[in-house]
Amino acid sequence: MAGFDSADDVLLRVIAGPSTGRRIRIPEDGLVLGRSVEGPGRVPEDPHVSRTHAEIRWDQNGSLYVQDLGSTEGTYVNEKRIPEAWDLFAGDQVQIGGTTFVVTTSRRAPPAANGREPEPSYQVDQRLDRGGGVNVGRDNMGYIDAHRERIKIKVDDPYSRWARARGPAKVAIVLGLLLAIAGFGVFGYPIIAAGGDMAATQQAQNACYTKYPELGQKQVDCVIKAGQAADAARPDRSQWTTVGAILFFAGFVVSSLGYFLPGADPDRKKPKRA
C-alpha cells in the first residue's frame, strides 16, 4: 500500500462527534460512510451525515482516497472541502457532518506461539477524549499529528494555544497581550527615568566640586543646594505606576477572556454546511 506499511492495518478513529473513540478498520474492498449504509461505515448517531455520504477506497496502486457521494453538507479533509477524489495519508482528518475521523494505523503483531490470535498493538493512537495527548514535559499535554507519516508534537498549553486560536479569541488574546506589554512599559518608565534624574543630580553636584575644589563649608553648602534643586525639579511620576498597573491587569483580563470566546479551542470543530 503506497504511503502505508503493508504490515499495518489502516483505521479510521472518531475524534469528534457522537461516536468519539470508535475505531473502524478499512477493509481491502473499501468502506462507505453514511447514516443508513450497511456495515462498519454506518454513522447513525449524527443527523448531519447523509444517508450515503462518502466512500473510502484503495486504488489500483494501493493508495487510499476518499470521495464524496453527493452528500448535502460535503466531505472535508483537514478542514478543506474536497471537490473530487482526494488522497489520504496517516494523520489526515476526514469530516462528514459533525463527525471527524483521523486516519491511523495499527501494527499487526506476529501470531502467538500457542496459536491464539494476539491483541492488536496500536501505534501513535494514545490520545485524550478531546483530541488526545502525550506528556511532553513540564506537565504540558501535547498531541501527536502523524500527517503524511511525519510525527510532530504540538504542545497544548496556554503559552502556545494563542498562536493557534482563531476569530474573536485570537483578537482578544493578542489585544490583551499588547495591553499587558504596554502596561509593563508604562509601569517601568519611572524606574528608568529615575536613573536619568540621578545622573542630572550628580552632574549638578560635580559642578560644585569644580567651583569649590577645596573641601569646606562652601563646597558642602553648594552640594546640598544642588541636590535639593534637582529634587525640586524632578517631576512626579507616581501616576505612571498606577496607569501601568491598570493596563497590565486589563491586558491579563482581556487575554483570559479570549480563551472562552469562539475559536479559542482550535481542536473543537463544528459541523460545516455547504
C-alpha atoms as a PDB file:
ATOM      1  CA  MET A   1       0.000   0.000   0.000  1.00  0.00           C
ATOM      2  CA  ALA A   2       1.540   3.305  -1.101  1.00  0.00           C
ATOM      3  CA  GLY A   3       2.030   5.545   1.875  1.00  0.00           C
ATOM      4  CA  PHE A   4       1.288   2.749   4.347  1.00  0.00           C
ATOM      5  CA  ASP A   5       3.270  -0.189   5.668  1.00  0.00           C
ATOM      6  CA  SER A   6       1.911  -3.465   4.329  1.00  0.00           C
ATOM      7  CA  ALA A   7       2.223  -4.905   7.841  1.00  0.00           C
ATOM      8  CA  ASP A   8      -0.218  -2.344   9.225  1.00  0.00           C
ATOM      9  CA  ASP A   9      -3.998  -2.210   9.404  1.00  0.00           C
ATOM     10  CA  VAL A  10      -5.389   1.182   8.385  1.00  0.00           C
ATOM     11  CA  LEU A  11      -8.074   2.507  10.697  1.00  0.00           C
ATOM     12  CA  LEU A  12     -10.479   5.411  10.992  1.00  0.00           C
ATOM     13  CA  ARG A  13     -10.769   6.671  14.555  1.00  0.00           C
ATOM     14  CA  VAL A  14     -13.570   9.067  15.504  1.00  0.00           C
ATOM     15  CA  ILE A  15     -12.102  12.101  17.337  1.00  0.00           C
ATOM     16  CA  ALA A  16     -15.180  14.386  17.221  1.00  0.00           C
ATOM     17  CA  GLY A  17     -18.908  13.719  17.104  1.00  0.00           C
ATOM     18  CA  PRO A  18     -21.403  11.399  18.789  1.00  0.00           C
ATOM     19  CA  SER A  19     -19.243   8.294  18.196  1.00  0.00           C
ATOM     20  CA  THR A  20     -15.973   9.705  19.588  1.00  0.00           C
ATOM     21  CA  GLY A  21     -13.487   6.939  20.382  1.00  0.00           C
ATOM     22  CA  ARG A  22     -14.878   4.431  17.885  1.00  0.00           C
ATOM     23  CA  ARG A  23     -12.385   2.666  15.557  1.00  0.00           C
ATOM     24  CA  ILE A  24     -13.238   1.386  12.082  1.00  0.00           C
ATOM     25  CA  ARG A  25     -10.862  -0.822  10.104  1.00  0.00           C
ATOM     26  CA  ILE A  26     -10.698  -0.011   6.379  1.00  0.00           C
ATOM     27  CA  PRO A  27     -11.036  -3.368   4.543  1.00  0.00           C
ATOM     28  CA  GLU A  28      -9.389  -4.209   1.232  1.00  0.00           C
ATOM     29  CA  ASP A  29     -12.617  -3.532  -0.704  1.00  0.00           C
ATOM     30  CA  GLY A  30     -13.010  -0.084   0.888  1.00  0.00           C
ATOM     31  CA  LEU A  31     -15.622   1.485   3.090  1.00  0.00           C
ATOM     32  CA  VAL A  32     -18.807   3.529   2.573  1.00  0.00           C
ATOM     33  CA  LEU A  33     -19.681   6.085   5.245  1.00  0.00           C
ATOM     34  CA  GLY A  34     -23.246   7.236   5.845  1.00  0.00           C
ATOM     35  CA  ARG A  35     -26.202   7.344   8.180  1.00  0.00           C
ATOM     36  CA  SER A  36     -28.094   4.479   6.530  1.00  0.00           C
ATOM     37  CA  VAL A  37     -25.385   2.316   4.952  1.00  0.00           C
ATOM     38  CA  GLU A  38     -24.831  -1.297   5.918  1.00  0.00           C
ATOM     39  CA  GLY A  39     -21.601  -2.337   7.567  1.00  0.00           C
ATOM     40  CA  PRO A  40     -18.983  -0.718   9.792  1.00  0.00           C
ATOM     41  CA  GLY A  41     -19.187   2.660   7.991  1.00  0.00           C
ATOM     42  CA  ARG A  42     -22.646   3.383   9.345  1.00  0.00           C
ATOM     43  CA  VAL A  43     -22.869   6.598  11.423  1.00  0.00           C
ATOM     44  CA  PRO A  44     -26.483   6.613  12.673  1.00  0.00           C
ATOM     45  CA  GLU A  45     -25.927   8.959  15.628  1.00  0.00           C
ATOM     46  CA  ASP A  46     -25.032  12.050  13.535  1.00  0.00           C
ATOM     47  CA  PRO A  47     -28.061  13.783  11.930  1.00  0.00           C
ATOM     48  CA  HIS A  48     -25.748  15.953   9.790  1.00  0.00           C
ATOM     49  CA  VAL A  49     -24.417  12.898   7.946  1.00  0.00           C
ATOM     50  CA  SER A  50     -26.229  11.999   4.693  1.00  0.00           C
ATOM     51  CA  ARG A  51     -27.694   8.541   4.180  1.00  0.00           C
ATOM     52  CA  THR A  52     -24.830   7.674   1.826  1.00  0.00           C
ATOM     53  CA  HIS A  53     -22.231  10.356   2.467  1.00  0.00           C
ATOM     54  CA  ALA A  54     -18.733   9.343   1.278  1.00  0.00           C
ATOM     55  CA  GLU A  55     -16.611   6.353   0.376  1.00  0.00           C
ATOM     56  CA  ILE A  56     -13.013   5.463   1.168  1.00  0.00           C
ATOM     57  CA  ARG A  57     -11.302   3.163  -1.317  1.00  0.00           C
ATOM     58  CA  TRP A  58      -7.965   1.731  -2.355  1.00  0.00           C
ATOM     59  CA  ASP A  59      -6.949   2.491  -5.956  1.00  0.00           C
ATOM     60  CA  GLN A  60      -5.106   0.096  -8.257  1.00  0.00           C
ATOM     61  CA  ASN A  61      -1.744   1.374  -6.981  1.00  0.00           C
ATOM     62  CA  GLY A  62      -2.660   0.677  -3.374  1.00  0.00           C
ATOM     63  CA  SER A  63      -3.169   4.343  -2.438  1.00  0.00           C
ATOM     64  CA  LEU A  64      -6.022   5.340  -0.157  1.00  0.00           C
ATOM     65  CA  TYR A  65      -8.512   8.008  -1.225  1.00  0.00           C
ATOM     66  CA  VAL A  66     -11.859   9.456  -0.132  1.00  0.00           C
ATOM     67  CA  GLN A  67     -14.669  10.679  -2.379  1.00  0.00           C
ATOM     68  CA  ASP A  68     -17.925  12.482  -1.596  1.00  0.00           C
ATOM     69  CA  LEU A  69     -21.086  10.706  -2.795  1.00  0.00           C
ATOM     70  CA  GLY A  70     -23.228  13.787  -3.395  1.00  0.00           C
ATOM     71  CA  SER A  71     -23.860  14.480   0.294  1.00  0.00           C
ATOM     72  CA  THR A  72     -25.809  17.521   1.482  1.00  0.00           C
ATOM     73  CA  GLU A  73     -23.036  19.056   3.585  1.00  0.00           C
ATOM     74  CA  GLY A  74     -19.980  17.812   1.705  1.00  0.00           C
ATOM     75  CA  THR A  75     -16.859  15.957   2.792  1.00  0.00           C
ATOM     76  CA  TYR A  76     -13.805  17.684   4.277  1.00  0.00           C
ATOM     77  CA  VAL A  77     -10.173  16.620   4.540  1.00  0.00           C
ATOM     78  CA  ASN A  78      -8.083  18.626   7.019  1.00  0.00           C
ATOM     79  CA  GLU A  79     -10.851  21.297   7.133  1.00  0.00           C
ATOM     80  CA  LYS A  80     -10.871  21.696   3.323  1.00  0.00           C
ATOM     81  CA  ARG A  81     -13.924  20.664   1.316  1.00  0.00           C
ATOM     82  CA  ILE A  82     -12.880  18.203  -1.360  1.00  0.00           C
ATOM     83  CA  PRO A  83     -14.296  18.689  -4.879  1.00  0.00           C
ATOM     84  CA  GLU A  84     -13.313  15.201  -6.069  1.00  0.00           C
ATOM     85  CA  ALA A  85     -11.438  12.067  -5.037  1.00  0.00           C
ATOM     86  CA  TRP A  86      -8.754  13.004  -2.506  1.00  0.00           C
ATOM     87  CA  ASP A  87      -5.663  11.045  -1.423  1.00  0.00           C
ATOM     88  CA  LEU A  88      -5.420  10.153   2.258  1.00  0.00           C
ATOM     89  CA  PHE A  89      -2.334   9.695   4.414  1.00  0.00           C
ATOM     90  CA  ALA A  90      -1.742   8.723   8.028  1.00  0.00           C
ATOM     91  CA  GLY A  91      -2.816  11.597  10.258  1.00  0.00           C
ATOM     92  CA  ASP A  92      -5.304  13.137   7.812  1.00  0.00           C
ATOM     93  CA  GLN A  93      -8.659  14.131   9.283  1.00  0.00           C
ATOM     94  CA  VAL A  94     -11.870  13.375   7.383  1.00  0.00           C
ATOM     95  CA  GLN A  95     -15.041  15.207   8.407  1.00  0.00           C
ATOM     96  CA  ILE A  96     -18.584  14.297   7.398  1.00  0.00           C
ATOM     97  CA  GLY A  97     -21.365  16.258   9.048  1.00  0.00           C
ATOM     98  CA  GLY A  98     -20.482  16.642  12.721  1.00  0.00           C
ATOM     99  CA  THR A  99     -18.229  13.572  12.831  1.00  0.00           C
ATOM    100  CA  THR A 100     -14.464  13.762  12.335  1.00  0.00           C
ATOM    101  CA  PHE A 101     -12.232  10.740  11.712  1.00  0.00           C
ATOM    102  CA  VAL A 102      -8.439  10.557  11.806  1.00  0.00           C
ATOM    103  CA  VAL A 103      -6.564   8.049   9.637  1.00  0.00           C
ATOM    104  CA  THR A 104      -4.328   5.899  11.854  1.00  0.00           C
ATOM    105  CA  THR A 105      -2.522   2.593  11.630  1.00  0.00           C
ATOM    106  CA  SER A 106      -2.074  -0.375  13.943  1.00  0.00           C
ATOM    107  CA  ARG A 107       0.785  -2.838  13.745  1.00  0.00           C
ATOM    108  CA  ARG A 108      -0.177  -6.437  13.087  1.00  0.00           C
ATOM    109  CA  ALA A 109       1.533  -8.487  15.763  1.00  0.00           C
ATOM    110  CA  PRO A 110       3.028 -11.874  14.731  1.00  0.00           C
ATOM    111  CA  PRO A 111       0.993 -14.986  15.621  1.00  0.00           C
ATOM    112  CA  ALA A 112       1.430 -16.192  19.170  1.00  0.00           C
ATOM    113  CA  ALA A 113       3.273 -19.420  19.816  1.00  0.00           C
ATOM    114  CA  ASN A 114       0.159 -21.029  21.297  1.00  0.00           C
ATOM    115  CA  GLY A 115      -1.819 -20.274  18.148  1.00  0.00           C
ATOM    116  CA  ARG A 116      -4.134 -17.737  19.816  1.00  0.00           C
ATOM    117  CA  GLU A 117      -4.898 -14.525  17.990  1.00  0.00           C
ATOM    118  CA  PRO A 118      -2.849 -11.728  19.620  1.00  0.00           C
ATOM    119  CA  GLU A 119      -4.327  -8.400  20.605  1.00  0.00           C
ATOM    120  CA  PRO A 120      -3.520  -5.580  18.145  1.00  0.00           C
ATOM    121  CA  SER A 121      -0.798  -3.148  19.224  1.00  0.00           C
ATOM    122  CA  TYR A 122      -1.893   0.362  18.305  1.00  0.00           C
ATOM    123  CA  GLN A 123       0.744   2.868  17.261  1.00  0.00           C
ATOM    124  CA  VAL A 124       0.520   6.666  17.611  1.00  0.00           C
ATOM    125  CA  ASP A 125      -3.013   6.218  18.839  1.00  0.00           C
ATOM    126  CA  GLN A 126      -2.959   7.080  22.523  1.00  0.00           C
ATOM    127  CA  ARG A 127      -4.939  10.309  22.877  1.00  0.00           C
ATOM    128  CA  LEU A 128      -7.352  12.022  25.230  1.00  0.00           C
ATOM    129  CA  ASP A 129     -11.086  12.238  24.536  1.00  0.00           C
ATOM    130  CA  ARG A 130     -10.862  15.826  23.185  1.00  0.00           C
ATOM    131  CA  GLY A 131      -8.088  15.306  20.680  1.00  0.00           C
ATOM    132  CA  GLY A 132      -5.676  13.165  22.614  1.00  0.00           C
ATOM    133  CA  GLY A 133      -2.262  13.751  24.010  1.00  0.00           C
ATOM    134  CA  VAL A 134       1.116  12.601  25.181  1.00  0.00           C
ATOM    135  CA  ASN A 135       3.100  14.123  28.027  1.00  0.00           C
ATOM    136  CA  VAL A 136       5.863  16.285  26.552  1.00  0.00           C
ATOM    137  CA  GLY A 137       7.345  17.546  29.820  1.00  0.00           C
ATOM    138  CA  ARG A 138       6.631  20.213  32.420  1.00  0.00           C
ATOM    139  CA  ASP A 139       3.115  18.842  32.865  1.00  0.00           C
ATOM    140  CA  ASN A 140       2.152  20.069  29.381  1.00  0.00           C
ATOM    141  CA  MET A 141      -0.108  17.804  27.371  1.00  0.00           C
ATOM    142  CA  GLY A 142       0.509  17.669  23.628  1.00  0.00           C
ATOM    143  CA  TYR A 143      -0.903  15.531  20.859  1.00  0.00           C
ATOM    144  CA  ILE A 144       0.623  13.583  18.017  1.00  0.00           C
ATOM    145  CA  ASP A 145      -0.103  14.656  14.469  1.00  0.00           C
ATOM    146  CA  ALA A 146       1.207  11.967  12.115  1.00  0.00           C
ATOM    147  CA  HIS A 147       0.183  13.902   8.986  1.00  0.00           C
ATOM    148  CA  ARG A 148       1.752  12.341   5.921  1.00  0.00           C
ATOM    149  CA  GLU A 149       3.672   9.940   8.170  1.00  0.00           C
ATOM    150  CA  ARG A 150       5.769  12.703   9.780  1.00  0.00           C
ATOM    151  CA  ILE A 151       5.303  12.847  13.538  1.00  0.00           C
ATOM    152  CA  LYS A 152       5.111  16.249  15.222  1.00  0.00           C
ATOM    153  CA  ILE A 153       4.430  17.126  18.838  1.00  0.00           C
ATOM    154  CA  LYS A 154       2.119  20.087  19.329  1.00  0.00           C
ATOM    155  CA  VAL A 155       2.047  21.399  22.899  1.00  0.00           C
ATOM    156  CA  ASP A 156      -1.452  22.247  24.041  1.00  0.00           C
ATOM    157  CA  ASP A 157      -0.755  24.763  26.817  1.00  0.00           C
ATOM    158  CA  PRO A 158      -1.833  28.405  27.360  1.00  0.00           C
ATOM    159  CA  TYR A 159       1.520  29.707  26.125  1.00  0.00           C
ATOM    160  CA  SER A 160       1.185  28.191  22.643  1.00  0.00           C
ATOM    161  CA  ARG A 161      -2.572  27.937  22.130  1.00  0.00           C
ATOM    162  CA  TRP A 162      -2.870  31.675  21.419  1.00  0.00           C
ATOM    163  CA  ALA A 163      -0.906  31.122  18.213  1.00  0.00           C
ATOM    164  CA  ARG A 164      -3.484  28.545  17.042  1.00  0.00           C
ATOM    165  CA  ALA A 165      -6.579  30.481  18.142  1.00  0.00           C
ATOM    166  CA  ARG A 166      -8.918  31.953  15.535  1.00  0.00           C
ATOM    167  CA  GLY A 167     -11.571  34.652  15.197  1.00  0.00           C
ATOM    168  CA  PRO A 168     -12.679  36.695  18.234  1.00  0.00           C
ATOM    169  CA  ALA A 169     -10.495  34.631  20.566  1.00  0.00           C
ATOM    170  CA  LYS A 170      -7.371  35.476  18.552  1.00  0.00           C
ATOM    171  CA  VAL A 171      -8.217  39.199  18.597  1.00  0.00           C
ATOM    172  CA  ALA A 172      -8.879  39.223  22.346  1.00  0.00           C
ATOM    173  CA  ILE A 173      -5.721  37.290  23.221  1.00  0.00           C
ATOM    174  CA  VAL A 174      -3.480  39.461  21.023  1.00  0.00           C
ATOM    175  CA  LEU A 175      -5.124  42.687  22.263  1.00  0.00           C
ATOM    176  CA  GLY A 176      -4.707  41.584  25.868  1.00  0.00           C
ATOM    177  CA  LEU A 177      -1.061  40.723  25.227  1.00  0.00           C
ATOM    178  CA  LEU A 178      -0.411  44.169  23.729  1.00  0.00           C
ATOM    179  CA  LEU A 179      -2.136  45.881  26.662  1.00  0.00           C
ATOM    180  CA  ALA A 180      -0.061  43.872  29.130  1.00  0.00           C
ATOM    181  CA  ILE A 181       3.189  44.759  27.318  1.00  0.00           C
ATOM    182  CA  ALA A 182       2.209  48.445  27.212  1.00  0.00           C
ATOM    183  CA  GLY A 183       1.314  48.345  30.913  1.00  0.00           C
ATOM    184  CA  PHE A 184       4.651  46.763  31.766  1.00  0.00           C
ATOM    185  CA  GLY A 185       6.454  49.520  29.830  1.00  0.00           C
ATOM    186  CA  VAL A 186       4.457  52.321  31.471  1.00  0.00           C
ATOM    187  CA  PHE A 187       4.944  50.777  34.915  1.00  0.00           C
ATOM    188  CA  GLY A 188       8.714  50.588  34.381  1.00  0.00           C
ATOM    189  CA  TYR A 189       9.108  54.103  32.960  1.00  0.00           C
ATOM    190  CA  PRO A 190       9.540  55.827  36.388  1.00  0.00           C
ATOM    191  CA  ILE A 191      12.306  53.371  37.260  1.00  0.00           C
ATOM    192  CA  ILE A 192      14.166  54.119  34.039  1.00  0.00           C
ATOM    193  CA  ALA A 193      13.590  57.872  34.422  1.00  0.00           C
ATOM    194  CA  ALA A 194      14.921  57.756  37.983  1.00  0.00           C
ATOM    195  CA  GLY A 195      18.305  56.765  36.592  1.00  0.00           C
ATOM    196  CA  GLY A 196      18.335  59.901  34.458  1.00  0.00           C
ATOM    197  CA  ASP A 197      17.366  62.037  37.471  1.00  0.00           C
ATOM    198  CA  MET A 198      20.239  60.636  39.496  1.00  0.00           C
ATOM    199  CA  ALA A 199      22.660  61.391  36.665  1.00  0.00           C
ATOM    200  CA  ALA A 200      21.400  65.005  36.484  1.00  0.00           C
ATOM    201  CA  THR A 201      21.798  65.417  40.252  1.00  0.00           C
ATOM    202  CA  GLN A 202      25.311  64.020  40.123  1.00  0.00           C
ATOM    203  CA  GLN A 203      26.209  66.385  37.288  1.00  0.00           C
ATOM    204  CA  ALA A 204      24.950  69.420  39.278  1.00  0.00           C
ATOM    205  CA  GLN A 205      26.928  68.341  42.351  1.00  0.00           C
ATOM    206  CA  ASN A 206      30.068  67.779  40.278  1.00  0.00           C
ATOM    207  CA  ALA A 207      29.807  71.418  39.225  1.00  0.00           C
ATOM    208  CA  CYS A 208      30.151  72.331  42.903  1.00  0.00           C
ATOM    209  CA  TYR A 209      33.375  70.343  43.157  1.00  0.00           C
ATOM    210  CA  THR A 210      34.721  72.251  40.171  1.00  0.00           C
ATOM    211  CA  LYS A 211      33.627  75.615  41.557  1.00  0.00           C
ATOM    212  CA  TYR A 212      34.889  74.877  45.092  1.00  0.00           C
ATOM    213  CA  PRO A 213      37.759  72.395  44.661  1.00  0.00           C
ATOM    214  CA  GLU A 214      38.824  72.644  48.307  1.00  0.00           C
ATOM    215  CA  LEU A 215      36.782  70.813  50.910  1.00  0.00           C
ATOM    216  CA  GLY A 216      34.991  73.332  53.066  1.00  0.00           C
ATOM    217  CA  GLN A 217      31.670  74.824  54.087  1.00  0.00           C
ATOM    218  CA  LYS A 218      31.124  76.482  50.725  1.00  0.00           C
ATOM    219  CA  GLN A 219      31.554  73.167  48.883  1.00  0.00           C
ATOM    220  CA  VAL A 220      29.210  71.344  51.275  1.00  0.00           C
ATOM    221  CA  ASP A 221      26.526  74.056  51.016  1.00  0.00           C
ATOM    222  CA  CYS A 222      26.783  74.041  47.223  1.00  0.00           C
ATOM    223  CA  VAL A 223      26.387  70.248  47.031  1.00  0.00           C
ATOM    224  CA  ILE A 224      23.358  70.291  49.357  1.00  0.00           C
ATOM    225  CA  LYS A 225      21.659  73.092  47.436  1.00  0.00           C
ATOM    226  CA  ALA A 226      22.367  71.362  44.100  1.00  0.00           C
ATOM    227  CA  GLY A 227      20.755  68.154  45.372  1.00  0.00           C
ATOM    228  CA  GLN A 228      17.712  69.992  46.725  1.00  0.00           C
ATOM    229  CA  ALA A 229      17.282  71.914  43.470  1.00  0.00           C
ATOM    230  CA  ALA A 230      17.446  68.685  41.448  1.00  0.00           C
ATOM    231  CA  ASP A 231      14.866  67.050  43.718  1.00  0.00           C
ATOM    232  CA  ALA A 232      12.547  70.052  43.396  1.00  0.00           C
ATOM    233  CA  ALA A 233      12.820  69.995  39.591  1.00  0.00           C
ATOM    234  CA  ARG A 234      12.108  66.257  39.410  1.00  0.00           C
ATOM    235  CA  PRO A 235       8.533  65.652  38.092  1.00  0.00           C
ATOM    236  CA  ASP A 236       6.053  63.451  39.960  1.00  0.00           C
ATOM    237  CA  ARG A 237       5.786  60.169  38.047  1.00  0.00           C
ATOM    238  CA  SER A 238       3.666  58.204  40.511  1.00  0.00           C
ATOM    239  CA  GLN A 239       0.699  58.293  38.118  1.00  0.00           C
ATOM    240  CA  TRP A 240       2.739  56.323  35.572  1.00  0.00           C
ATOM    241  CA  THR A 241       2.991  53.442  38.011  1.00  0.00           C
ATOM    242  CA  THR A 242      -0.780  53.449  38.576  1.00  0.00           C
ATOM    243  CA  VAL A 243      -1.605  53.623  34.854  1.00  0.00           C
ATOM    244  CA  GLY A 244       0.898  50.855  34.078  1.00  0.00           C
ATOM    245  CA  ALA A 245      -0.588  48.546  36.707  1.00  0.00           C
ATOM    246  CA  ILE A 246      -4.111  49.161  35.358  1.00  0.00           C
ATOM    247  CA  LEU A 247      -3.058  48.445  31.749  1.00  0.00           C
ATOM    248  CA  PHE A 248      -1.203  45.301  32.741  1.00  0.00           C
ATOM    249  CA  PHE A 249      -4.172  43.966  34.735  1.00  0.00           C
ATOM    250  CA  ALA A 250      -6.608  44.884  31.919  1.00  0.00           C
ATOM    251  CA  GLY A 251      -4.435  43.027  29.419  1.00  0.00           C
ATOM    252  CA  PHE A 252      -4.382  39.950  31.631  1.00  0.00           C
ATOM    253  CA  VAL A 253      -8.189  40.022  31.957  1.00  0.00           C
ATOM    254  CA  VAL A 254      -8.780  40.525  28.202  1.00  0.00           C
ATOM    255  CA  SER A 255      -6.387  37.684  27.294  1.00  0.00           C
ATOM    256  CA  SER A 256      -8.031  35.383  29.833  1.00  0.00           C
ATOM    257  CA  LEU A 257     -11.477  36.138  28.422  1.00  0.00           C
ATOM    258  CA  GLY A 258     -10.150  35.303  24.966  1.00  0.00           C
ATOM    259  CA  TYR A 259      -9.790  31.645  25.973  1.00  0.00           C
ATOM    260  CA  PHE A 260     -13.572  31.457  26.426  1.00  0.00           C
ATOM    261  CA  LEU A 261     -14.532  33.103  23.096  1.00  0.00           C
ATOM    262  CA  PRO A 262     -15.314  31.256  19.829  1.00  0.00           C
ATOM    263  CA  GLY A 263     -12.143  29.989  18.179  1.00  0.00           C
ATOM    264  CA  ALA A 264     -10.161  29.610  21.415  1.00  0.00           C
ATOM    265  CA  ASP A 265     -10.091  25.810  21.075  1.00  0.00           C
ATOM    266  CA  PRO A 266      -8.935  25.057  17.501  1.00  0.00           C
ATOM    267  CA  ASP A 267      -9.404  21.312  18.075  1.00  0.00           C
ATOM    268  CA  ARG A 268     -13.146  21.712  18.635  1.00  0.00           C
ATOM    269  CA  LYS A 269     -14.809  21.612  15.228  1.00  0.00           C
ATOM    270  CA  LYS A 270     -18.394  22.497  14.441  1.00  0.00           C
ATOM    271  CA  PRO A 271     -20.360  20.786  11.650  1.00  0.00           C
ATOM    272  CA  LYS A 272     -19.688  22.504   8.340  1.00  0.00           C
ATOM    273  CA  ARG A 273     -22.501  23.283   5.963  1.00  0.00           C
ATOM    274  CA  ALA A 274     -22.279  23.588   2.208  1.00  0.00           C
END
